[in-house]
PDB file of N, CA and C in Angstrom:
ATOM      1  N   MET A   1       0.831  -1.182   0.000  1.00  0.00           N
ATOM      2  CA  MET A   1       0.000   0.000   0.000  1.00  0.00           C
ATOM      3  C   MET A   1       0.877   1.247   0.000  1.00  0.00           C
ATOM      4  N   PHE A   2       0.256   2.375   0.294  1.00  0.00           N
ATOM      5  CA  PHE A   2       0.974   3.645   0.339  1.00  0.00           C
ATOM      6  C   PHE A   2       1.552   3.861   1.738  1.00  0.00           C
ATOM      7  N   SER A   3       2.837   3.630   1.887  1.00  0.00           N
ATOM      8  CA  SER A   3       3.456   3.928   3.172  1.00  0.00           C
ATOM      9  C   SER A   3       3.888   5.392   3.224  1.00  0.00           C
ATOM     10  N   ASP A   4       4.076   5.975   2.035  1.00  0.00           N
ATOM     11  CA  ASP A   4       4.490   7.373   1.960  1.00  0.00           C
ATOM     12  C   ASP A   4       3.536   8.095   1.007  1.00  0.00           C
ATOM     13  N   LEU A   5       2.666   8.916   1.552  1.00  0.00           N
ATOM     14  CA  LEU A   5       1.648   9.588   0.746  1.00  0.00           C
ATOM     15  C   LEU A   5       2.185  10.782  -0.031  1.00  0.00           C
ATOM     16  N   THR A   6       3.417  11.139   0.144  1.00  0.00           N
ATOM     17  CA  THR A   6       3.963  12.287  -0.588  1.00  0.00           C
ATOM     18  C   THR A   6       4.052  12.013  -2.082  1.00  0.00           C
ATOM     19  N   SER A   7       4.176  10.763  -2.468  1.00  0.00           N
ATOM     20  CA  SER A   7       4.210  10.444  -3.897  1.00  0.00           C
ATOM     21  C   SER A   7       2.813  10.420  -4.513  1.00  0.00           C
ATOM     22  N   PHE A   8       1.783  10.359  -3.690  1.00  0.00           N
ATOM     23  CA  PHE A   8       0.408  10.321  -4.171  1.00  0.00           C
ATOM     24  C   PHE A   8      -0.135  11.712  -4.485  1.00  0.00           C
ATOM     25  N   TRP A   9       0.195  12.715  -3.699  1.00  0.00           N
ATOM     26  CA  TRP A   9      -0.393  14.044  -3.828  1.00  0.00           C
ATOM     27  C   TRP A   9      -0.116  14.726  -5.161  1.00  0.00           C
ATOM     28  N   PRO A  10       1.049  14.606  -5.765  1.00  0.00           N
ATOM     29  CA  PRO A  10       1.241  15.255  -7.079  1.00  0.00           C
ATOM     30  C   PRO A  10       0.334  14.689  -8.181  1.00  0.00           C
ATOM     31  N   SER A  11      -0.111  13.452  -8.023  1.00  0.00           N
ATOM     32  CA  SER A  11      -0.957  12.812  -9.037  1.00  0.00           C
ATOM     33  C   SER A  11      -2.440  13.069  -8.831  1.00  0.00           C
ATOM     34  N   THR A  12      -2.812  13.672  -7.744  1.00  0.00           N
ATOM     35  CA  THR A  12      -4.219  13.872  -7.407  1.00  0.00           C
ATOM     36  C   THR A  12      -4.962  14.663  -8.475  1.00  0.00           C
ATOM     37  N   TYR A  13      -4.339  15.701  -8.999  1.00  0.00           N
ATOM     38  CA  TYR A  13      -4.981  16.509 -10.039  1.00  0.00           C
ATOM     39  C   TYR A  13      -5.300  15.665 -11.272  1.00  0.00           C
ATOM     40  N   PHE A  14      -4.370  14.823 -11.697  1.00  0.00           N
ATOM     41  CA  PHE A  14      -4.580  13.996 -12.886  1.00  0.00           C
ATOM     42  C   PHE A  14      -5.636  12.914 -12.642  1.00  0.00           C
ATOM     43  N   ILE A  15      -5.679  12.404 -11.432  1.00  0.00           N
ATOM     44  CA  ILE A  15      -6.701  11.408 -11.093  1.00  0.00           C
ATOM     45  C   ILE A  15      -8.085  12.042 -11.130  1.00  0.00           C
ATOM     46  N   LEU A  16      -8.222  13.223 -10.577  1.00  0.00           N
ATOM     47  CA  LEU A  16      -9.512  13.926 -10.601  1.00  0.00           C
ATOM     48  C   LEU A  16      -9.909  14.315 -12.014  1.00  0.00           C
ATOM     49  N   GLN A  17      -8.943  14.738 -12.815  1.00  0.00           N
ATOM     50  CA  GLN A  17      -9.224  15.096 -14.207  1.00  0.00           C
ATOM     51  C   GLN A  17      -9.685  13.866 -14.995  1.00  0.00           C
ATOM     52  N   GLY A  18      -9.044  12.727 -14.782  1.00  0.00           N
ATOM     53  CA  GLY A  18      -9.458  11.486 -15.438  1.00  0.00           C
ATOM     54  C   GLY A  18     -10.832  11.027 -14.987  1.00  0.00           C
ATOM     55  N   SER A  19     -11.133  11.240 -13.721  1.00  0.00           N
ATOM     56  CA  SER A  19     -12.460  10.879 -13.209  1.00  0.00           C
ATOM     57  C   SER A  19     -13.549  11.732 -13.849  1.00  0.00           C
ATOM     58  N   LEU A  20     -13.249  12.994 -14.084  1.00  0.00           N
ATOM     59  CA  LEU A  20     -14.218  13.880 -14.735  1.00  0.00           C
ATOM     60  C   LEU A  20     -14.481  13.446 -16.179  1.00  0.00           C
ATOM     61  N   VAL A  21     -13.444  13.065 -16.889  1.00  0.00           N
ATOM     62  CA  VAL A  21     -13.617  12.576 -18.262  1.00  0.00           C
ATOM     63  C   VAL A  21     -14.445  11.293 -18.260  1.00  0.00           C
ATOM     64  N   THR A  22     -14.187  10.416 -17.314  1.00  0.00           N
ATOM     65  CA  THR A  22     -14.953   9.171 -17.207  1.00  0.00           C
ATOM     66  C   THR A  22     -16.428   9.452 -16.945  1.00  0.00           C
ATOM     67  N   LEU A  23     -16.709  10.412 -16.075  1.00  0.00           N
ATOM     68  CA  LEU A  23     -18.103  10.766 -15.802  1.00  0.00           C
ATOM     69  C   LEU A  23     -18.781  11.364 -17.025  1.00  0.00           C
ATOM     70  N   LYS A  24     -18.048  12.160 -17.808  1.00  0.00           N
ATOM     71  CA  LYS A  24     -18.622  12.710 -19.048  1.00  0.00           C
ATOM     72  C   LYS A  24     -18.974  11.593 -20.017  1.00  0.00           C
ATOM     73  N   TYR A  25     -18.013  10.682 -20.242  1.00  0.00           N
ATOM     74  CA  TYR A  25     -18.265   9.543 -21.123  1.00  0.00           C
ATOM     75  C   TYR A  25     -19.497   8.766 -20.658  1.00  0.00           C
ATOM     76  N   SER A  26     -19.547   8.477 -19.379  1.00  0.00           N
ATOM     77  CA  SER A  26     -20.635   7.659 -18.835  1.00  0.00           C
ATOM     78  C   SER A  26     -21.986   8.341 -18.975  1.00  0.00           C
ATOM     79  N   ALA A  27     -22.071   9.595 -18.594  1.00  0.00           N
ATOM     80  CA  ALA A  27     -23.358  10.298 -18.617  1.00  0.00           C
ATOM     81  C   ALA A  27     -23.898  10.436 -20.037  1.00  0.00           C
ATOM     82  N   ILE A  28     -23.047  10.856 -20.960  1.00  0.00           N
ATOM     83  CA  ILE A  28     -23.503  11.051 -22.341  1.00  0.00           C
ATOM     84  C   ILE A  28     -23.861   9.716 -22.984  1.00  0.00           C
ATOM     85  N   SER A  29     -23.019   8.701 -22.775  1.00  0.00           N
ATOM     86  CA  SER A  29     -23.265   7.397 -23.398  1.00  0.00           C
ATOM     87  C   SER A  29     -24.512   6.721 -22.849  1.00  0.00           C
ATOM     88  N   VAL A  30     -24.744   6.861 -21.571  1.00  0.00           N
ATOM     89  CA  VAL A  30     -25.940   6.252 -20.985  1.00  0.00           C
ATOM     90  C   VAL A  30     -27.202   6.918 -21.526  1.00  0.00           C
ATOM     91  N   CYS A  31     -27.171   8.232 -21.689  1.00  0.00           N
ATOM     92  CA  CYS A  31     -28.345   8.935 -22.241  1.00  0.00           C
ATOM     93  C   CYS A  31     -28.653   8.470 -23.660  1.00  0.00           C
ATOM     94  N   PHE A  32     -27.641   8.476 -24.526  1.00  0.00           N
ATOM     95  CA  PHE A  32     -27.861   8.027 -25.903  1.00  0.00           C
ATOM     96  C   PHE A  32     -28.162   6.536 -25.966  1.00  0.00           C
ATOM     97  N   GLY A  33     -27.500   5.746 -25.118  1.00  0.00           N
ATOM     98  CA  GLY A  33     -27.740   4.307 -25.079  1.00  0.00           C
ATOM     99  C   GLY A  33     -29.139   3.971 -24.612  1.00  0.00           C
ATOM    100  N   LEU A  34     -29.659   4.759 -23.688  1.00  0.00           N
ATOM    101  CA  LEU A  34     -31.021   4.544 -23.215  1.00  0.00           C
ATOM    102  C   LEU A  34     -32.038   4.798 -24.323  1.00  0.00           C
ATOM    103  N   ILE A  35     -31.831   5.856 -25.067  1.00  0.00           N
ATOM    104  CA  ILE A  35     -32.730   6.163 -26.192  1.00  0.00           C
ATOM    105  C   ILE A  35     -32.679   5.044 -27.227  1.00  0.00           C
ATOM    106  N   LEU A  36     -31.471   4.634 -27.575  1.00  0.00           N
ATOM    107  CA  LEU A  36     -31.311   3.557 -28.558  1.00  0.00           C
ATOM    108  C   LEU A  36     -31.866   2.243 -28.029  1.00  0.00           C
ATOM    109  N   GLY A  37     -31.613   1.940 -26.771  1.00  0.00           N
ATOM    110  CA  GLY A  37     -32.088   0.690 -26.185  1.00  0.00           C
ATOM    111  C   GLY A  37     -33.600   0.604 -26.132  1.00  0.00           C
ATOM    112  N   VAL A  38     -34.248   1.697 -25.772  1.00  0.00           N
ATOM    113  CA  VAL A  38     -35.719   1.707 -25.745  1.00  0.00           C
ATOM    114  C   VAL A  38     -36.273   1.539 -27.159  1.00  0.00           C
ATOM    115  N   SER A  39     -35.640   2.189 -28.129  1.00  0.00           N
ATOM    116  CA  SER A  39     -36.074   2.036 -29.529  1.00  0.00           C
ATOM    117  C   SER A  39     -35.927   0.594 -29.988  1.00  0.00           C
ATOM    118  N   LEU A  40     -34.811  -0.029 -29.641  1.00  0.00           N
ATOM    119  CA  LEU A  40     -34.605  -1.434 -30.013  1.00  0.00           C
ATOM    120  C   LEU A  40     -35.610  -2.346 -29.318  1.00  0.00           C
ATOM    121  N   ALA A  41     -35.907  -2.056 -28.066  1.00  0.00           N
ATOM    122  CA  ALA A  41     -36.883  -2.870 -27.337  1.00  0.00           C
ATOM    123  C   ALA A  41     -38.265  -2.782 -27.985  1.00  0.00           C
ATOM    124  N   ILE A  42     -38.622  -1.595 -28.439  1.00  0.00           N
ATOM    125  CA  ILE A  42     -39.909  -1.431 -29.135  1.00  0.00           C
ATOM    126  C   ILE A  42     -39.912  -2.228 -30.432  1.00  0.00           C
ATOM    127  N   LEU A  43     -38.779  -2.203 -31.155  1.00  0.00           N
ATOM    128  CA  LEU A  43     -38.686  -2.984 -32.391  1.00  0.00           C
ATOM    129  C   LEU A  43     -38.755  -4.482 -32.114  1.00  0.00           C
ATOM    130  N   LYS A  44     -38.227  -4.920 -30.977  1.00  0.00           N
ATOM    131  CA  LYS A  44     -38.226  -6.348 -30.661  1.00  0.00           C
ATOM    132  C   LYS A  44     -39.619  -6.888 -30.365  1.00  0.00           C
ATOM    133  N   VAL A  45     -40.538  -6.040 -29.949  1.00  0.00           N
ATOM    134  CA  VAL A  45     -41.904  -6.501 -29.684  1.00  0.00           C
ATOM    135  C   VAL A  45     -42.855  -6.133 -30.821  1.00  0.00           C
ATOM    136  N   SER A  46     -42.304  -5.690 -31.929  1.00  0.00           N
ATOM    137  CA  SER A  46     -43.104  -5.299 -33.077  1.00  0.00           C
ATOM    138  C   SER A  46     -43.746  -6.522 -33.739  1.00  0.00           C
ATOM    139  N   ASN A  47     -44.821  -6.278 -34.455  1.00  0.00           N
ATOM    140  CA  ASN A  47     -45.477  -7.350 -35.208  1.00  0.00           C
ATOM    141  C   ASN A  47     -44.739  -7.685 -36.492  1.00  0.00           C
ATOM    142  N   LYS A  48     -43.928  -6.783 -36.968  1.00  0.00           N
ATOM    143  CA  LYS A  48     -43.189  -6.989 -38.220  1.00  0.00           C
ATOM    144  C   LYS A  48     -41.965  -7.850 -37.949  1.00  0.00           C
ATOM    145  N   SER A  49     -41.855  -8.956 -38.655  1.00  0.00           N
ATOM    146  CA  SER A  49     -40.748  -9.885 -38.403  1.00  0.00           C
ATOM    147  C   SER A  49     -39.403  -9.302 -38.827  1.00  0.00           C
ATOM    148  N   TYR A  50     -39.364  -8.480 -39.873  1.00  0.00           N
ATOM    149  CA  TYR A  50     -38.085  -7.923 -40.302  1.00  0.00           C
ATOM    150  C   TYR A  50     -37.555  -6.894 -39.305  1.00  0.00           C
ATOM    151  N   LEU A  51     -38.447  -6.197 -38.596  1.00  0.00           N
ATOM    152  CA  LEU A  51     -38.006  -5.265 -37.552  1.00  0.00           C
ATOM    153  C   LEU A  51     -37.448  -6.021 -36.347  1.00  0.00           C
ATOM    154  N   ARG A  52     -38.127  -7.101 -35.966  1.00  0.00           N
ATOM    155  CA  ARG A  52     -37.622  -7.937 -34.867  1.00  0.00           C
ATOM    156  C   ARG A  52     -36.280  -8.539 -35.227  1.00  0.00           C
ATOM    157  N   LEU A  53     -36.155  -9.016 -36.456  1.00  0.00           N
ATOM    158  CA  LEU A  53     -34.906  -9.629 -36.911  1.00  0.00           C
ATOM    159  C   LEU A  53     -33.768  -8.609 -36.912  1.00  0.00           C
ATOM    160  N   MET A  54     -34.047  -7.394 -37.362  1.00  0.00           N
ATOM    161  CA  MET A  54     -33.039  -6.344 -37.387  1.00  0.00           C
ATOM    162  C   MET A  54     -32.594  -5.984 -35.967  1.00  0.00           C
ATOM    163  N   ALA A  55     -33.539  -5.829 -35.051  1.00  0.00           N
ATOM    164  CA  ALA A  55     -33.204  -5.479 -33.667  1.00  0.00           C
ATOM    165  C   ALA A  55     -32.448  -6.614 -32.976  1.00  0.00           C
ATOM    166  N   ASN A  56     -32.869  -7.835 -33.201  1.00  0.00           N
ATOM    167  CA  ASN A  56     -32.173  -8.978 -32.609  1.00  0.00           C
ATOM    168  C   ASN A  56     -30.770  -9.144 -33.188  1.00  0.00           C
ATOM    169  N   GLY A  57     -30.620  -8.896 -34.470  1.00  0.00           N
ATOM    170  CA  GLY A  57     -29.297  -8.973 -35.097  1.00  0.00           C
ATOM    171  C   GLY A  57     -28.352  -7.918 -34.547  1.00  0.00           C
ATOM    172  N   TYR A  58     -28.849  -6.702 -34.415  1.00  0.00           N
ATOM    173  CA  TYR A  58     -28.051  -5.617 -33.843  1.00  0.00           C
ATOM    174  C   TYR A  58     -27.589  -5.976 -32.433  1.00  0.00           C
ATOM    175  N   THR A  59     -28.533  -6.449 -31.624  1.00  0.00           N
ATOM    176  CA  THR A  59     -28.217  -6.802 -30.247  1.00  0.00           C
ATOM    177  C   THR A  59     -27.192  -7.926 -30.191  1.00  0.00           C
ATOM    178  N   SER A  60     -27.357  -8.924 -31.025  1.00  0.00           N
ATOM    179  CA  SER A  60     -26.415 -10.047 -31.039  1.00  0.00           C
ATOM    180  C   SER A  60     -25.018  -9.606 -31.435  1.00  0.00           C
ATOM    181  N   ILE A  61     -24.927  -8.744 -32.428  1.00  0.00           N
ATOM    182  CA  ILE A  61     -23.615  -8.287 -32.885  1.00  0.00           C
ATOM    183  C   ILE A  61     -22.923  -7.452 -31.815  1.00  0.00           C
ATOM    184  N   PHE A  62     -23.631  -6.502 -31.228  1.00  0.00           N
ATOM    185  CA  PHE A  62     -22.992  -5.610 -30.264  1.00  0.00           C
ATOM    186  C   PHE A  62     -22.764  -6.262 -28.908  1.00  0.00           C
ATOM    187  N   ARG A  63     -23.567  -7.260 -28.557  1.00  0.00           N
ATOM    188  CA  ARG A  63     -23.297  -7.991 -27.320  1.00  0.00           C
ATOM    189  C   ARG A  63     -22.220  -9.043 -27.534  1.00  0.00           C
ATOM    190  N   GLY A  64     -22.086  -9.516 -28.751  1.00  0.00           N
ATOM    191  CA  GLY A  64     -21.179 -10.629 -29.031  1.00  0.00           C
ATOM    192  C   GLY A  64     -19.758 -10.238 -29.366  1.00  0.00           C
ATOM    193  N   THR A  65     -19.514  -8.990 -29.683  1.00  0.00           N
ATOM    194  CA  THR A  65     -18.148  -8.568 -29.994  1.00  0.00           C
ATOM    195  C   THR A  65     -17.570  -7.786 -28.813  1.00  0.00           C
ATOM    196  N   PRO A  66     -16.287  -7.934 -28.568  1.00  0.00           N
ATOM    197  CA  PRO A  66     -15.668  -7.192 -27.460  1.00  0.00           C
ATOM    198  C   PRO A  66     -15.708  -5.677 -27.701  1.00  0.00           C
ATOM    199  N   LEU A  67     -15.832  -4.936 -26.626  1.00  0.00           N
ATOM    200  CA  LEU A  67     -15.930  -3.485 -26.715  1.00  0.00           C
ATOM    201  C   LEU A  67     -14.667  -2.877 -27.321  1.00  0.00           C
ATOM    202  N   LEU A  68     -13.516  -3.447 -27.038  1.00  0.00           N
ATOM    203  CA  LEU A  68     -12.272  -2.923 -27.599  1.00  0.00           C
ATOM    204  C   LEU A  68     -12.247  -3.066 -29.119  1.00  0.00           C
ATOM    205  N   ILE A  69     -12.798  -4.136 -29.635  1.00  0.00           N
ATOM    206  CA  ILE A  69     -12.901  -4.314 -31.091  1.00  0.00           C
ATOM    207  C   ILE A  69     -13.859  -3.276 -31.670  1.00  0.00           C
ATOM    208  N   GLN A  70     -14.968  -3.043 -31.002  1.00  0.00           N
ATOM    209  CA  GLN A  70     -15.923  -2.030 -31.461  1.00  0.00           C
ATOM    210  C   GLN A  70     -15.284  -0.647 -31.476  1.00  0.00           C
ATOM    211  N   LEU A  71     -14.523  -0.329 -30.433  1.00  0.00           N
ATOM    212  CA  LEU A  71     -13.827   0.959 -30.392  1.00  0.00           C
ATOM    213  C   LEU A  71     -12.844   1.095 -31.543  1.00  0.00           C
ATOM    214  N   SER A  72     -12.109   0.037 -31.820  1.00  0.00           N
ATOM    215  CA  SER A  72     -11.136   0.070 -32.918  1.00  0.00           C
ATOM    216  C   SER A  72     -11.818   0.261 -34.264  1.00  0.00           C
ATOM    217  N   ILE A  73     -12.930  -0.414 -34.464  1.00  0.00           N
ATOM    218  CA  ILE A  73     -13.648  -0.287 -35.730  1.00  0.00           C
ATOM    219  C   ILE A  73     -14.183   1.128 -35.904  1.00  0.00           C
ATOM    220  N   VAL A  74     -14.791   1.684 -34.861  1.00  0.00           N
ATOM    221  CA  VAL A  74     -15.365   3.027 -34.979  1.00  0.00           C
ATOM    222  C   VAL A  74     -14.273   4.078 -35.156  1.00  0.00           C
ATOM    223  N   TYR A  75     -13.166   3.944 -34.448  1.00  0.00           N
ATOM    224  CA  TYR A  75     -12.135   4.979 -34.507  1.00  0.00           C
ATOM    225  C   TYR A  75     -11.246   4.865 -35.750  1.00  0.00           C
ATOM    226  N   PHE A  76     -10.899   3.636 -36.150  1.00  0.00           N
ATOM    227  CA  PHE A  76      -9.966   3.473 -37.256  1.00  0.00           C
ATOM    228  C   PHE A  76     -10.639   3.177 -38.589  1.00  0.00           C
ATOM    229  N   ALA A  77     -11.626   2.284 -38.613  1.00  0.00           N
ATOM    230  CA  ALA A  77     -12.215   1.848 -39.879  1.00  0.00           C
ATOM    231  C   ALA A  77     -13.323   2.764 -40.370  1.00  0.00           C
ATOM    232  N   LEU A  78     -14.162   3.233 -39.478  1.00  0.00           N
ATOM    233  CA  LEU A  78     -15.301   4.060 -39.888  1.00  0.00           C
ATOM    234  C   LEU A  78     -14.882   5.345 -40.596  1.00  0.00           C
ATOM    235  N   PRO A  79     -13.868   6.069 -40.114  1.00  0.00           N
ATOM    236  CA  PRO A  79     -13.446   7.269 -40.859  1.00  0.00           C
ATOM    237  C   PRO A  79     -12.917   6.944 -42.255  1.00  0.00           C
ATOM    238  N   GLY A  80     -12.309   5.793 -42.423  1.00  0.00           N
ATOM    239  CA  GLY A  80     -11.854   5.397 -43.748  1.00  0.00           C
ATOM    240  C   GLY A  80     -12.999   5.073 -44.682  1.00  0.00           C
ATOM    241  N   ILE A  81     -14.088   4.575 -44.126  1.00  0.00           N
ATOM    242  CA  ILE A  81     -15.245   4.211 -44.936  1.00  0.00           C
ATOM    243  C   ILE A  81     -16.080   5.432 -45.290  1.00  0.00           C
ATOM    244  N   ILE A  82     -16.379   6.282 -44.289  1.00  0.00           N
ATOM    245  CA  ILE A  82     -17.237   7.430 -44.558  1.00  0.00           C
ATOM    246  C   ILE A  82     -16.462   8.709 -44.828  1.00  0.00           C
ATOM    247  N   GLY A  83     -15.155   8.694 -44.567  1.00  0.00           N
ATOM    248  CA  GLY A  83     -14.326   9.847 -44.902  1.00  0.00           C
ATOM    249  C   GLY A  83     -14.363  10.991 -43.914  1.00  0.00           C
ATOM    250  N   ILE A  84     -14.860  10.758 -42.711  1.00  0.00           N
ATOM    251  CA  ILE A  84     -14.925  11.804 -41.698  1.00  0.00           C
ATOM    252  C   ILE A  84     -14.014  11.408 -40.546  1.00  0.00           C
ATOM    253  N   LYS A  85     -13.115  12.304 -40.170  1.00  0.00           N
ATOM    254  CA  LYS A  85     -12.201  12.040 -39.054  1.00  0.00           C
ATOM    255  C   LYS A  85     -12.922  12.327 -37.742  1.00  0.00           C
ATOM    256  N   LEU A  86     -12.971  11.327 -36.866  1.00  0.00           N
ATOM    257  CA  LEU A  86     -13.626  11.469 -35.575  1.00  0.00           C
ATOM    258  C   LEU A  86     -12.595  11.754 -34.495  1.00  0.00           C
ATOM    259  N   SER A  87     -12.975  12.578 -33.530  1.00  0.00           N
ATOM    260  CA  SER A  87     -12.102  12.771 -32.383  1.00  0.00           C
ATOM    261  C   SER A  87     -12.164  11.528 -31.496  1.00  0.00           C
ATOM    262  N   VAL A  88     -11.207  11.414 -30.610  1.00  0.00           N
ATOM    263  CA  VAL A  88     -11.196  10.277 -29.702  1.00  0.00           C
ATOM    264  C   VAL A  88     -12.454  10.283 -28.833  1.00  0.00           C
ATOM    265  N   PHE A  89     -12.837  11.451 -28.360  1.00  0.00           N
ATOM    266  CA  PHE A  89     -14.029  11.560 -27.503  1.00  0.00           C
ATOM    267  C   PHE A  89     -15.289  11.162 -28.270  1.00  0.00           C
ATOM    268  N   ALA A  90     -15.430  11.638 -29.500  1.00  0.00           N
ATOM    269  CA  ALA A  90     -16.623  11.319 -30.302  1.00  0.00           C
ATOM    270  C   ALA A  90     -16.694   9.831 -30.618  1.00  0.00           C
ATOM    271  N   ALA A  91     -15.563   9.236 -30.972  1.00  0.00           N
ATOM    272  CA  ALA A  91     -15.542   7.803 -31.258  1.00  0.00           C
ATOM    273  C   ALA A  91     -15.910   6.997 -30.017  1.00  0.00           C
ATOM    274  N   GLY A  92     -15.438   7.429 -28.867  1.00  0.00           N
ATOM    275  CA  GLY A  92     -15.787   6.747 -27.622  1.00  0.00           C
ATOM    276  C   GLY A  92     -17.259   6.868 -27.296  1.00  0.00           C
ATOM    277  N   ILE A  93     -17.803   8.057 -27.455  1.00  0.00           N
ATOM    278  CA  ILE A  93     -19.230   8.268 -27.177  1.00  0.00           C
ATOM    279  C   ILE A  93     -20.087   7.415 -28.107  1.00  0.00           C
ATOM    280  N   ILE A  94     -19.756   7.414 -29.390  1.00  0.00           N
ATOM    281  CA  ILE A  94     -20.526   6.623 -30.358  1.00  0.00           C
ATOM    282  C   ILE A  94     -20.478   5.144 -29.995  1.00  0.00           C
ATOM    283  N   THR A  95     -19.283   4.641 -29.726  1.00  0.00           N
ATOM    284  CA  THR A  95     -19.131   3.219 -29.433  1.00  0.00           C
ATOM    285  C   THR A  95     -19.814   2.827 -28.133  1.00  0.00           C
ATOM    286  N   PHE A  96     -19.586   3.599 -27.083  1.00  0.00           N
ATOM    287  CA  PHE A  96     -20.209   3.269 -25.802  1.00  0.00           C
ATOM    288  C   PHE A  96     -21.729   3.378 -25.879  1.00  0.00           C
ATOM    289  N   SER A  97     -22.241   4.323 -26.659  1.00  0.00           N
ATOM    290  CA  SER A  97     -23.688   4.459 -26.816  1.00  0.00           C
ATOM    291  C   SER A  97     -24.281   3.278 -27.565  1.00  0.00           C
ATOM    292  N   LEU A  98     -23.626   2.857 -28.637  1.00  0.00           N
ATOM    293  CA  LEU A  98     -24.115   1.717 -29.408  1.00  0.00           C
ATOM    294  C   LEU A  98     -24.079   0.447 -28.562  1.00  0.00           C
ATOM    295  N   ASN A  99     -23.016   0.258 -27.797  1.00  0.00           N
ATOM    296  CA  ASN A  99     -22.890  -0.908 -26.944  1.00  0.00           C
ATOM    297  C   ASN A  99     -23.904  -0.859 -25.811  1.00  0.00           C
ATOM    298  N   SER A 100     -24.068   0.279 -25.204  1.00  0.00           N
ATOM    299  CA  SER A 100     -25.026   0.440 -24.112  1.00  0.00           C
ATOM    300  C   SER A 100     -26.455   0.211 -24.599  1.00  0.00           C
ATOM    301  N   GLY A 101     -26.757   0.682 -25.798  1.00  0.00           N
ATOM    302  CA  GLY A 101     -28.086   0.484 -26.369  1.00  0.00           C
ATOM    303  C   GLY A 101     -28.412  -0.988 -26.546  1.00  0.00           C
ATOM    304  N   ALA A 102     -27.410  -1.779 -26.936  1.00  0.00           N
ATOM    305  CA  ALA A 102     -27.636  -3.215 -27.108  1.00  0.00           C
ATOM    306  C   ALA A 102     -27.948  -3.876 -25.772  1.00  0.00           C
ATOM    307  N   TYR A 103     -27.261  -3.479 -24.730  1.00  0.00           N
ATOM    308  CA  TYR A 103     -27.501  -4.084 -23.425  1.00  0.00           C
ATOM    309  C   TYR A 103     -28.784  -3.583 -22.777  1.00  0.00           C
ATOM    310  N   VAL A 104     -29.167  -2.352 -23.030  1.00  0.00           N
ATOM    311  CA  VAL A 104     -30.409  -1.807 -22.478  1.00  0.00           C
ATOM    312  C   VAL A 104     -31.623  -2.496 -23.120  1.00  0.00           C
ATOM    313  N   SER A 105     -31.502  -2.820 -24.397  1.00  0.00           N
ATOM    314  CA  SER A 105     -32.645  -3.427 -25.093  1.00  0.00           C
ATOM    315  C   SER A 105     -32.961  -4.800 -24.542  1.00  0.00           C
TER     316      SER A 105
END
């Protein structure tokens, strides 16, 4: 453990700053994920079989692939496909929201 706390205090600012970024990611992603998850849940109880199939397929893909792979695809592959450069924060928000939506549904 920490027998000497003098080495801990200089890092306190960076720990708090990282915690704030984590809270931003979490709050924004949960909001968008909740909207997406509720929409998917509505599609899953729809009478139309193609809507149920689409929602179930989405859920299976996003629950079945590791989050790190999803992050890599959104940050590295998606800009190459659509031609738009995403910031690290935007790519994280998009990925966490899509993943959260699958689990909420």
